[in-house]
Amino acid sequence: MVLKIVVGSGEYNNNPGWLHTNEDTLNLLDEKTWQDKFEEQSLSAILAEHVWEHLTFDEGMIAAKICYKFLAKNGYVRCAVPDAYFQDDVYQNLVKVDGPGPAATHKIVHNYKTLTKMFECAGFKVNLLEYCNENGDFCINDWDGNDGIIFRSKKYDPRNKGEKLVFPSLIVDAVKIEL
C-alpha cells in the first residue's frame, strides 16, 4: 500500500488521495504522534507546504529525522518554504521571522543552502526543484505534480504566471536513500 501524507495541510486539499494532517493530529516534533498512526518505514511520501519555516533550524532537523524514520526506502519529503534569496522587499516583509499574519510564527527564512543542509544532516539526499540562488536568479528543475502539488510554486500558483514572479517558494525533494 502506498501511503502519502500532507503535514500542516490546514484547510487546503491540493493533493486528493493523500492523507491530510495538522499539528493537532500529527506533530512534526512529537514522535509518539507518528507512532500512534504509522509503522516505521511505512510512508512513501510526505508533503509539507510552508510548514518548516515555523520551526527553528534545530527543530527542523528533529522533524526531518522523524520523517526519515517513517519513510520507506526511496520515500521523500517534498518541502516548500519561503525563499530567503528571492529579491523582492514586499515578499520578504510578508515572510520574515515574526512577520505579519501567518508569518507571525515564522522562526526562520531558509535559502537553498540552509534547507539542503538541514535535510542532508538528517540523512536525506536533496534535489532542488524551485529556488533562487545567491544572486536572486530563479532556478527550476522539472518536477511532477503527481508526486505532490505545491500550490505556492512557479508551476501552480496563478500569481506566478507571466514574466514576473510574485510569490515563489523554495521547493526540495529530500529522498531517503539507504545504503
N, C-alpha and C. Protein backbone atom coordinates (compact mmCIF):
# COMPACT_ATOMS: atom_id res chain seq x y z
N MET A 1 0.84 -1.19 0.00
CA MET A 1 0.00 0.00 0.00
C MET A 1 0.89 1.25 0.00
N VAL A 2 0.58 2.18 -0.88
CA VAL A 2 1.30 3.44 -0.97
C VAL A 2 0.60 4.44 -0.06
N LEU A 3 1.33 4.93 0.93
CA LEU A 3 0.76 5.88 1.86
C LEU A 3 1.49 7.21 1.74
N LYS A 4 0.74 8.23 1.32
CA LYS A 4 1.28 9.57 1.15
C LYS A 4 0.52 10.50 2.08
N ILE A 5 1.28 11.35 2.80
CA ILE A 5 0.63 12.25 3.74
C ILE A 5 1.04 13.70 3.49
N VAL A 6 0.16 14.60 3.87
CA VAL A 6 0.43 16.03 3.87
C VAL A 6 0.45 16.46 5.33
N VAL A 7 1.54 17.12 5.75
CA VAL A 7 1.61 17.64 7.12
C VAL A 7 1.31 19.12 7.09
N GLY A 8 0.57 19.59 8.10
CA GLY A 8 0.23 21.01 8.18
C GLY A 8 -0.63 21.48 7.03
N SER A 9 -1.60 20.67 6.64
CA SER A 9 -2.38 20.99 5.44
C SER A 9 -3.41 22.09 5.65
N GLY A 10 -3.75 22.41 6.90
CA GLY A 10 -4.76 23.44 7.12
C GLY A 10 -6.04 23.07 6.41
N GLU A 11 -6.67 24.08 5.80
CA GLU A 11 -7.93 23.82 5.09
C GLU A 11 -7.70 23.45 3.63
N TYR A 12 -6.43 23.40 3.21
CA TYR A 12 -6.11 23.13 1.81
C TYR A 12 -6.13 21.65 1.51
N ASN A 13 -6.57 21.31 0.30
CA ASN A 13 -6.52 19.93 -0.17
C ASN A 13 -6.08 19.96 -1.64
N ASN A 14 -4.81 20.29 -1.85
CA ASN A 14 -4.27 20.34 -3.20
C ASN A 14 -3.86 18.97 -3.71
N ASN A 15 -3.92 17.97 -2.84
CA ASN A 15 -3.44 16.64 -3.20
C ASN A 15 -4.48 15.58 -2.84
N PRO A 16 -5.51 15.44 -3.68
CA PRO A 16 -6.54 14.42 -3.42
C PRO A 16 -5.91 13.03 -3.36
N GLY A 17 -6.42 12.21 -2.45
CA GLY A 17 -5.91 10.85 -2.30
C GLY A 17 -4.78 10.76 -1.28
N TRP A 18 -4.27 11.89 -0.84
CA TRP A 18 -3.26 11.92 0.21
C TRP A 18 -3.97 12.09 1.55
N LEU A 19 -3.37 11.56 2.62
CA LEU A 19 -3.89 11.75 3.96
C LEU A 19 -3.45 13.12 4.46
N HIS A 20 -4.40 13.99 4.79
CA HIS A 20 -4.10 15.35 5.23
C HIS A 20 -4.13 15.41 6.76
N THR A 21 -3.07 16.01 7.32
CA THR A 21 -2.94 16.11 8.77
C THR A 21 -2.63 17.54 9.17
N ASN A 22 -2.83 17.83 10.43
CA ASN A 22 -2.47 19.10 11.03
C ASN A 22 -1.72 18.84 12.32
N GLU A 23 -1.15 19.88 12.89
CA GLU A 23 -0.32 19.76 14.08
C GLU A 23 -1.04 19.08 15.24
N ASP A 24 -2.35 19.29 15.35
CA ASP A 24 -3.09 18.69 16.47
C ASP A 24 -3.26 17.18 16.32
N THR A 25 -3.09 16.66 15.10
CA THR A 25 -3.22 15.22 14.90
C THR A 25 -1.89 14.53 14.60
N LEU A 26 -0.93 15.29 14.07
CA LEU A 26 0.39 14.74 13.76
C LEU A 26 1.41 15.86 13.94
N ASN A 27 2.14 15.79 15.04
CA ASN A 27 3.08 16.85 15.39
C ASN A 27 4.47 16.48 14.86
N LEU A 28 5.05 17.34 14.05
CA LEU A 28 6.36 17.08 13.47
C LEU A 28 7.45 16.86 14.51
N LEU A 29 7.25 17.38 15.71
CA LEU A 29 8.28 17.30 16.75
C LEU A 29 7.99 16.27 17.83
N ASP A 30 6.87 15.56 17.69
CA ASP A 30 6.47 14.57 18.70
C ASP A 30 6.36 13.20 18.04
N GLU A 31 7.42 12.42 18.17
CA GLU A 31 7.47 11.12 17.50
C GLU A 31 6.33 10.20 17.92
N LYS A 32 5.85 10.35 19.14
CA LYS A 32 4.75 9.50 19.63
C LYS A 32 3.51 9.66 18.76
N THR A 33 3.22 10.89 18.31
CA THR A 33 2.04 11.08 17.46
C THR A 33 2.20 10.34 16.14
N TRP A 34 3.44 10.17 15.68
CA TRP A 34 3.71 9.41 14.46
C TRP A 34 3.54 7.91 14.74
N GLN A 35 4.07 7.46 15.86
CA GLN A 35 3.99 6.04 16.23
C GLN A 35 2.54 5.60 16.42
N ASP A 36 1.70 6.52 16.87
CA ASP A 36 0.28 6.20 17.07
C ASP A 36 -0.45 5.98 15.74
N LYS A 37 0.09 6.50 14.66
CA LYS A 37 -0.60 6.44 13.37
C LYS A 37 0.06 5.57 12.32
N PHE A 38 1.40 5.46 12.38
CA PHE A 38 2.13 4.81 11.29
C PHE A 38 3.20 3.86 11.82
N GLU A 39 3.50 2.87 11.02
CA GLU A 39 4.64 2.00 11.29
C GLU A 39 5.88 2.69 10.73
N GLU A 40 7.03 2.43 11.33
CA GLU A 40 8.27 2.95 10.78
C GLU A 40 8.45 2.40 9.37
N GLN A 41 8.99 3.20 8.48
CA GLN A 41 9.26 2.87 7.08
C GLN A 41 7.99 2.51 6.30
N SER A 42 6.86 3.12 6.68
CA SER A 42 5.60 2.78 6.01
C SER A 42 5.11 3.85 5.03
N LEU A 43 5.73 5.01 5.02
CA LEU A 43 5.25 6.10 4.17
C LEU A 43 6.07 6.21 2.89
N SER A 44 5.40 6.50 1.80
CA SER A 44 6.13 6.69 0.54
C SER A 44 6.42 8.15 0.27
N ALA A 45 5.61 9.06 0.83
CA ALA A 45 5.83 10.49 0.59
C ALA A 45 5.21 11.32 1.71
N ILE A 46 5.89 12.41 2.01
CA ILE A 46 5.41 13.39 2.98
C ILE A 46 5.50 14.75 2.30
N LEU A 47 4.41 15.47 2.27
CA LEU A 47 4.40 16.80 1.65
C LEU A 47 4.20 17.86 2.73
N ALA A 48 5.05 18.87 2.70
CA ALA A 48 4.96 19.96 3.68
C ALA A 48 5.08 21.28 2.93
N GLU A 49 3.96 21.94 2.71
CA GLU A 49 3.97 23.23 2.02
C GLU A 49 3.87 24.34 3.05
N HIS A 50 4.94 25.09 3.16
CA HIS A 50 5.03 26.23 4.08
C HIS A 50 4.72 25.81 5.51
N VAL A 51 5.52 24.85 5.98
CA VAL A 51 5.43 24.34 7.34
C VAL A 51 6.77 24.52 8.06
N TRP A 52 7.86 24.16 7.39
CA TRP A 52 9.17 24.11 8.04
C TRP A 52 9.67 25.48 8.50
N GLU A 53 9.16 26.56 7.96
CA GLU A 53 9.58 27.89 8.41
C GLU A 53 9.01 28.22 9.79
N HIS A 54 8.09 27.41 10.27
CA HIS A 54 7.53 27.59 11.61
C HIS A 54 8.35 26.84 12.66
N LEU A 55 9.47 26.26 12.23
CA LEU A 55 10.38 25.53 13.11
C LEU A 55 11.75 26.22 13.08
N THR A 56 12.47 26.19 14.18
CA THR A 56 13.85 26.66 14.15
C THR A 56 14.67 25.67 13.32
N PHE A 57 15.90 26.01 13.02
CA PHE A 57 16.76 25.07 12.28
C PHE A 57 16.87 23.75 13.03
N ASP A 58 17.12 23.82 14.35
CA ASP A 58 17.27 22.60 15.15
C ASP A 58 15.97 21.80 15.21
N GLU A 59 14.84 22.48 15.35
CA GLU A 59 13.54 21.79 15.33
C GLU A 59 13.31 21.15 13.96
N GLY A 60 13.70 21.85 12.91
CA GLY A 60 13.58 21.30 11.56
C GLY A 60 14.37 20.02 11.38
N MET A 61 15.56 19.98 12.01
CA MET A 61 16.38 18.76 11.97
C MET A 61 15.68 17.61 12.70
N ILE A 62 15.11 17.91 13.86
CA ILE A 62 14.38 16.89 14.62
C ILE A 62 13.22 16.35 13.77
N ALA A 63 12.45 17.25 13.18
CA ALA A 63 11.32 16.85 12.34
C ALA A 63 11.79 16.03 11.14
N ALA A 64 12.88 16.43 10.51
CA ALA A 64 13.41 15.68 9.36
C ALA A 64 13.82 14.27 9.77
N LYS A 65 14.44 14.14 10.94
CA LYS A 65 14.86 12.82 11.42
C LYS A 65 13.65 11.93 11.71
N ILE A 66 12.59 12.51 12.25
CA ILE A 66 11.37 11.73 12.49
C ILE A 66 10.77 11.29 11.15
N CYS A 67 10.70 12.20 10.20
CA CYS A 67 10.18 11.84 8.87
C CYS A 67 11.01 10.71 8.27
N TYR A 68 12.33 10.81 8.40
CA TYR A 68 13.23 9.79 7.84
C TYR A 68 12.87 8.40 8.39
N LYS A 69 12.61 8.31 9.69
CA LYS A 69 12.26 7.03 10.32
C LYS A 69 11.01 6.41 9.71
N PHE A 70 10.04 7.26 9.35
CA PHE A 70 8.75 6.74 8.92
C PHE A 70 8.63 6.59 7.40
N LEU A 71 9.63 7.07 6.68
CA LEU A 71 9.62 6.89 5.23
C LEU A 71 10.23 5.54 4.85
N ALA A 72 9.64 4.93 3.83
CA ALA A 72 10.22 3.73 3.26
C ALA A 72 11.44 4.12 2.42
N LYS A 73 12.26 3.14 2.06
CA LYS A 73 13.41 3.40 1.19
C LYS A 73 12.92 4.09 -0.09
N ASN A 74 13.64 5.10 -0.50
CA ASN A 74 13.31 5.93 -1.67
C ASN A 74 12.08 6.81 -1.47
N GLY A 75 11.52 6.81 -0.25
CA GLY A 75 10.46 7.75 0.06
C GLY A 75 11.05 9.15 0.14
N TYR A 76 10.18 10.14 0.15
CA TYR A 76 10.69 11.52 0.11
C TYR A 76 9.79 12.47 0.88
N VAL A 77 10.42 13.57 1.30
CA VAL A 77 9.70 14.72 1.83
C VAL A 77 9.75 15.77 0.74
N ARG A 78 8.61 16.18 0.24
CA ARG A 78 8.56 17.35 -0.66
C ARG A 78 8.25 18.53 0.24
N CYS A 79 9.22 19.42 0.35
CA CYS A 79 9.14 20.53 1.29
C CYS A 79 9.22 21.86 0.54
N ALA A 80 8.28 22.74 0.83
CA ALA A 80 8.29 24.09 0.25
C ALA A 80 8.26 25.10 1.39
N VAL A 81 9.12 26.10 1.29
CA VAL A 81 9.20 27.17 2.29
C VAL A 81 9.41 28.49 1.56
N PRO A 82 9.19 29.61 2.24
CA PRO A 82 9.55 30.90 1.63
C PRO A 82 11.05 30.92 1.34
N ASP A 83 11.43 31.65 0.30
CA ASP A 83 12.81 31.66 -0.18
C ASP A 83 13.53 32.95 0.23
N ALA A 84 14.55 32.82 1.07
CA ALA A 84 15.31 33.98 1.56
C ALA A 84 16.06 34.69 0.44
N TYR A 85 16.33 34.00 -0.66
CA TYR A 85 17.09 34.62 -1.75
C TYR A 85 16.21 35.28 -2.82
N PHE A 86 14.89 35.22 -2.67
CA PHE A 86 14.01 35.90 -3.63
C PHE A 86 14.09 37.40 -3.36
N GLN A 87 14.51 38.14 -4.35
CA GLN A 87 14.80 39.57 -4.17
C GLN A 87 13.57 40.43 -4.45
N ASP A 88 12.72 40.50 -3.44
CA ASP A 88 11.52 41.34 -3.52
C ASP A 88 11.20 41.78 -2.09
N ASP A 89 11.25 43.08 -1.86
CA ASP A 89 11.06 43.61 -0.50
C ASP A 89 9.68 43.32 0.07
N VAL A 90 8.64 43.41 -0.75
CA VAL A 90 7.27 43.13 -0.27
C VAL A 90 7.17 41.67 0.18
N TYR A 91 7.65 40.76 -0.66
CA TYR A 91 7.65 39.33 -0.33
C TYR A 91 8.42 39.08 0.96
N GLN A 92 9.65 39.60 1.05
CA GLN A 92 10.47 39.35 2.23
C GLN A 92 9.82 39.89 3.50
N ASN A 93 9.11 41.01 3.39
CA ASN A 93 8.39 41.54 4.55
C ASN A 93 7.25 40.62 4.97
N LEU A 94 6.61 40.00 3.99
CA LEU A 94 5.49 39.09 4.29
C LEU A 94 5.94 37.77 4.91
N VAL A 95 7.17 37.34 4.62
CA VAL A 95 7.61 36.01 5.09
C VAL A 95 8.65 36.08 6.21
N LYS A 96 9.05 37.26 6.62
CA LYS A 96 10.13 37.40 7.61
C LYS A 96 9.75 36.79 8.96
N VAL A 97 10.77 36.49 9.74
CA VAL A 97 10.58 35.98 11.10
C VAL A 97 9.78 37.03 11.89
N ASP A 98 8.76 36.56 12.60
CA ASP A 98 7.86 37.45 13.36
C ASP A 98 7.17 38.46 12.46
N GLY A 99 6.90 38.07 11.23
CA GLY A 99 6.26 38.97 10.26
C GLY A 99 4.77 39.10 10.49
N PRO A 100 4.08 39.68 9.51
CA PRO A 100 2.64 39.89 9.64
C PRO A 100 1.84 38.62 9.39
N GLY A 101 0.63 38.57 9.91
CA GLY A 101 -0.30 37.47 9.64
C GLY A 101 0.30 36.11 9.98
N PRO A 102 0.19 35.15 9.02
CA PRO A 102 0.71 33.80 9.27
C PRO A 102 2.21 33.78 9.57
N ALA A 103 2.94 34.80 9.10
CA ALA A 103 4.38 34.85 9.34
C ALA A 103 4.72 35.22 10.79
N ALA A 104 3.73 35.55 11.58
CA ALA A 104 3.97 35.90 12.99
C ALA A 104 4.63 34.74 13.73
N THR A 105 4.44 33.50 13.24
CA THR A 105 5.05 32.35 13.89
C THR A 105 6.25 31.78 13.10
N HIS A 106 6.72 32.52 12.10
CA HIS A 106 7.91 32.08 11.37
C HIS A 106 9.13 32.20 12.28
N LYS A 107 9.96 31.15 12.26
CA LYS A 107 11.16 31.13 13.09
C LYS A 107 12.44 31.18 12.26
N ILE A 108 12.32 30.99 10.94
CA ILE A 108 13.48 31.01 10.04
C ILE A 108 12.98 31.27 8.62
N VAL A 109 13.80 31.91 7.84
CA VAL A 109 13.55 32.01 6.39
C VAL A 109 14.74 31.33 5.73
N HIS A 110 14.48 30.17 5.14
CA HIS A 110 15.54 29.35 4.55
C HIS A 110 15.96 29.87 3.19
N ASN A 111 17.21 29.57 2.85
CA ASN A 111 17.66 29.64 1.46
C ASN A 111 17.99 28.20 1.07
N TYR A 112 18.32 27.98 -0.18
CA TYR A 112 18.52 26.60 -0.61
C TYR A 112 19.67 25.91 0.14
N LYS A 113 20.65 26.68 0.58
CA LYS A 113 21.78 26.08 1.30
C LYS A 113 21.36 25.60 2.69
N THR A 114 20.60 26.42 3.43
CA THR A 114 20.23 26.02 4.80
C THR A 114 19.24 24.87 4.79
N LEU A 115 18.28 24.90 3.85
CA LEU A 115 17.29 23.82 3.80
C LEU A 115 17.95 22.52 3.37
N THR A 116 18.83 22.59 2.39
CA THR A 116 19.56 21.40 1.94
C THR A 116 20.39 20.83 3.09
N LYS A 117 21.13 21.67 3.78
CA LYS A 117 21.97 21.21 4.89
C LYS A 117 21.13 20.53 5.96
N MET A 118 19.99 21.12 6.30
CA MET A 118 19.13 20.56 7.34
C MET A 118 18.71 19.13 6.98
N PHE A 119 18.23 18.93 5.75
CA PHE A 119 17.77 17.59 5.35
C PHE A 119 18.95 16.63 5.17
N GLU A 120 20.07 17.11 4.64
CA GLU A 120 21.23 16.23 4.49
C GLU A 120 21.75 15.76 5.84
N CYS A 121 21.75 16.63 6.83
CA CYS A 121 22.19 16.24 8.17
C CYS A 121 21.29 15.17 8.78
N ALA A 122 20.05 15.09 8.31
CA ALA A 122 19.12 14.06 8.78
C ALA A 122 19.23 12.77 7.97
N GLY A 123 20.11 12.75 6.95
CA GLY A 123 20.33 11.53 6.18
C GLY A 123 19.77 11.52 4.77
N PHE A 124 19.11 12.59 4.36
CA PHE A 124 18.47 12.64 3.05
C PHE A 124 19.42 13.08 1.94
N LYS A 125 19.09 12.69 0.71
CA LYS A 125 19.70 13.26 -0.49
C LYS A 125 18.70 14.31 -0.98
N VAL A 126 19.16 15.52 -1.24
CA VAL A 126 18.26 16.62 -1.56
C VAL A 126 18.33 16.97 -3.05
N ASN A 127 17.15 17.05 -3.65
CA ASN A 127 17.01 17.52 -5.03
C ASN A 127 16.29 18.86 -5.00
N LEU A 128 16.93 19.88 -5.56
CA LEU A 128 16.31 21.20 -5.64
C LEU A 128 15.32 21.21 -6.79
N LEU A 129 14.10 21.67 -6.53
CA LEU A 129 13.07 21.74 -7.57
C LEU A 129 12.86 23.17 -8.05
N GLU A 130 12.58 24.08 -7.13
CA GLU A 130 12.44 25.50 -7.44
C GLU A 130 13.15 26.28 -6.34
N TYR A 131 13.95 27.30 -6.73
CA TYR A 131 14.69 28.07 -5.74
C TYR A 131 15.34 29.28 -6.40
N CYS A 132 15.73 30.21 -5.57
CA CYS A 132 16.54 31.34 -6.04
C CYS A 132 17.97 31.13 -5.55
N ASN A 133 18.93 31.49 -6.41
CA ASN A 133 20.32 31.39 -5.99
C ASN A 133 20.74 32.67 -5.28
N GLU A 134 22.01 32.74 -4.90
CA GLU A 134 22.51 33.87 -4.13
C GLU A 134 22.33 35.21 -4.85
N ASN A 135 22.29 35.20 -6.17
CA ASN A 135 22.10 36.43 -6.95
C ASN A 135 20.63 36.78 -7.14
N GLY A 136 19.75 35.94 -6.60
CA GLY A 136 18.32 36.17 -6.76
C GLY A 136 17.75 35.59 -8.04
N ASP A 137 18.58 34.89 -8.81
CA ASP A 137 18.11 34.26 -10.04
C ASP A 137 17.22 33.07 -9.70
N PHE A 138 16.06 33.00 -10.34
CA PHE A 138 15.15 31.89 -10.10
C PHE A 138 15.58 30.69 -10.92
N CYS A 139 15.66 29.53 -10.29
CA CYS A 139 16.07 28.29 -10.94
C CYS A 139 14.96 27.27 -10.77
N ILE A 140 14.71 26.50 -11.81
CA ILE A 140 13.68 25.46 -11.73
C ILE A 140 14.18 24.20 -12.42
N ASN A 141 13.95 23.08 -11.78
CA ASN A 141 14.22 21.77 -12.36
C ASN A 141 12.87 21.09 -12.54
N ASP A 142 12.76 20.31 -13.57
CA ASP A 142 11.49 19.67 -13.88
C ASP A 142 11.03 18.80 -12.71
N TRP A 143 9.76 18.96 -12.33
CA TRP A 143 9.18 18.14 -11.28
C TRP A 143 7.73 17.85 -11.62
N ASP A 144 7.23 16.76 -11.06
CA ASP A 144 5.92 16.23 -11.40
C ASP A 144 4.94 16.46 -10.25
N GLY A 145 3.85 17.16 -10.54
CA GLY A 145 2.81 17.39 -9.55
C GLY A 145 2.14 16.11 -9.08
N ASN A 146 2.23 15.03 -9.84
CA ASN A 146 1.68 13.75 -9.39
C ASN A 146 2.42 13.24 -8.16
N ASP A 147 3.62 13.76 -7.93
CA ASP A 147 4.40 13.38 -6.75
C ASP A 147 4.16 14.33 -5.59
N GLY A 148 3.19 15.22 -5.73
CA GLY A 148 2.83 16.18 -4.69
C GLY A 148 2.77 17.59 -5.25
N ILE A 149 1.60 18.16 -5.24
CA ILE A 149 1.43 19.52 -5.75
C ILE A 149 1.78 20.53 -4.67
N ILE A 150 2.60 21.47 -5.04
CA ILE A 150 2.90 22.63 -4.19
C ILE A 150 2.19 23.81 -4.85
N PHE A 151 1.16 24.32 -4.20
CA PHE A 151 0.39 25.41 -4.81
C PHE A 151 1.25 26.66 -4.96
N ARG A 152 1.98 27.03 -3.90
CA ARG A 152 2.80 28.24 -3.95
C ARG A 152 4.11 27.95 -4.67
N SER A 153 3.99 27.82 -6.00
CA SER A 153 5.13 27.48 -6.85
C SER A 153 4.99 28.21 -8.17
N LYS A 154 6.06 28.23 -8.93
CA LYS A 154 6.01 28.81 -10.28
C LYS A 154 5.03 27.99 -11.12
N LYS A 155 5.05 26.70 -10.89
CA LYS A 155 4.29 25.76 -11.70
C LYS A 155 2.77 25.88 -11.50
N TYR A 156 2.31 26.13 -10.26
CA TYR A 156 0.87 26.05 -9.98
C TYR A 156 0.21 27.34 -9.48
N ASP A 157 0.95 28.28 -8.99
CA ASP A 157 0.36 29.49 -8.41
C ASP A 157 0.05 30.50 -9.51
N PRO A 158 -1.23 30.86 -9.70
CA PRO A 158 -1.58 31.81 -10.77
C PRO A 158 -0.90 33.18 -10.59
N ARG A 159 -0.48 33.51 -9.37
CA ARG A 159 0.23 34.78 -9.17
C ARG A 159 1.58 34.79 -9.87
N ASN A 160 2.10 33.61 -10.18
CA ASN A 160 3.43 33.49 -10.78
C ASN A 160 3.40 33.24 -12.28
N LYS A 161 2.24 33.36 -12.89
CA LYS A 161 2.16 33.19 -14.35
C LYS A 161 2.64 34.48 -15.00
N GLY A 162 3.27 34.35 -16.12
CA GLY A 162 3.79 35.53 -16.79
C GLY A 162 5.27 35.72 -16.51
N GLU A 163 5.76 36.91 -16.79
CA GLU A 163 7.19 37.19 -16.71
C GLU A 163 7.69 37.39 -15.28
N LYS A 164 6.88 37.97 -14.40
CA LYS A 164 7.36 38.35 -13.08
C LYS A 164 6.85 37.39 -12.00
N LEU A 165 7.78 36.86 -11.23
CA LEU A 165 7.40 36.04 -10.07
C LEU A 165 6.89 36.95 -8.97
N VAL A 166 5.81 36.53 -8.33
CA VAL A 166 5.23 37.31 -7.24
C VAL A 166 5.41 36.59 -5.91
N PHE A 167 5.13 35.28 -5.90
CA PHE A 167 5.22 34.51 -4.65
C PHE A 167 5.78 33.12 -4.92
N PRO A 168 7.10 33.04 -5.13
CA PRO A 168 7.70 31.71 -5.32
C PRO A 168 7.97 31.03 -3.99
N SER A 169 8.29 29.77 -4.06
CA SER A 169 8.73 29.01 -2.89
C SER A 169 10.05 28.35 -3.22
N LEU A 170 10.80 28.09 -2.19
CA LEU A 170 11.96 27.22 -2.27
C LEU A 170 11.41 25.82 -2.08
N ILE A 171 11.58 24.96 -3.09
CA ILE A 171 10.98 23.62 -3.05
C ILE A 171 12.07 22.57 -3.25
N VAL A 172 12.08 21.59 -2.36
CA VAL A 172 13.03 20.48 -2.47
C VAL A 172 12.31 19.15 -2.32
N ASP A 173 12.91 18.13 -2.89
CA ASP A 173 12.57 16.74 -2.56
C ASP A 173 13.74 16.20 -1.76
N ALA A 174 13.49 15.80 -0.53
CA ALA A 174 14.50 15.18 0.32
C ALA A 174 14.22 13.67 0.29
N VAL A 175 15.11 12.92 -0.33
CA VAL A 175 14.87 11.50 -0.62
C VAL A 175 15.64 10.63 0.36
N LYS A 176 14.95 9.62 0.88
CA LYS A 176 15.58 8.67 1.80
C LYS A 176 16.32 7.62 0.97
N ILE A 177 17.62 7.72 0.98
CA ILE A 177 18.46 6.75 0.27
C ILE A 177 19.21 5.96 1.34
N GLU A 178 19.01 4.68 1.36
CA GLU A 178 19.72 3.82 2.32
C GLU A 178 20.74 2.99 1.57
N LEU A 179 21.90 2.86 2.14
CA LEU A 179 22.95 2.05 1.52
C LEU A 179 22.78 0.58 1.83
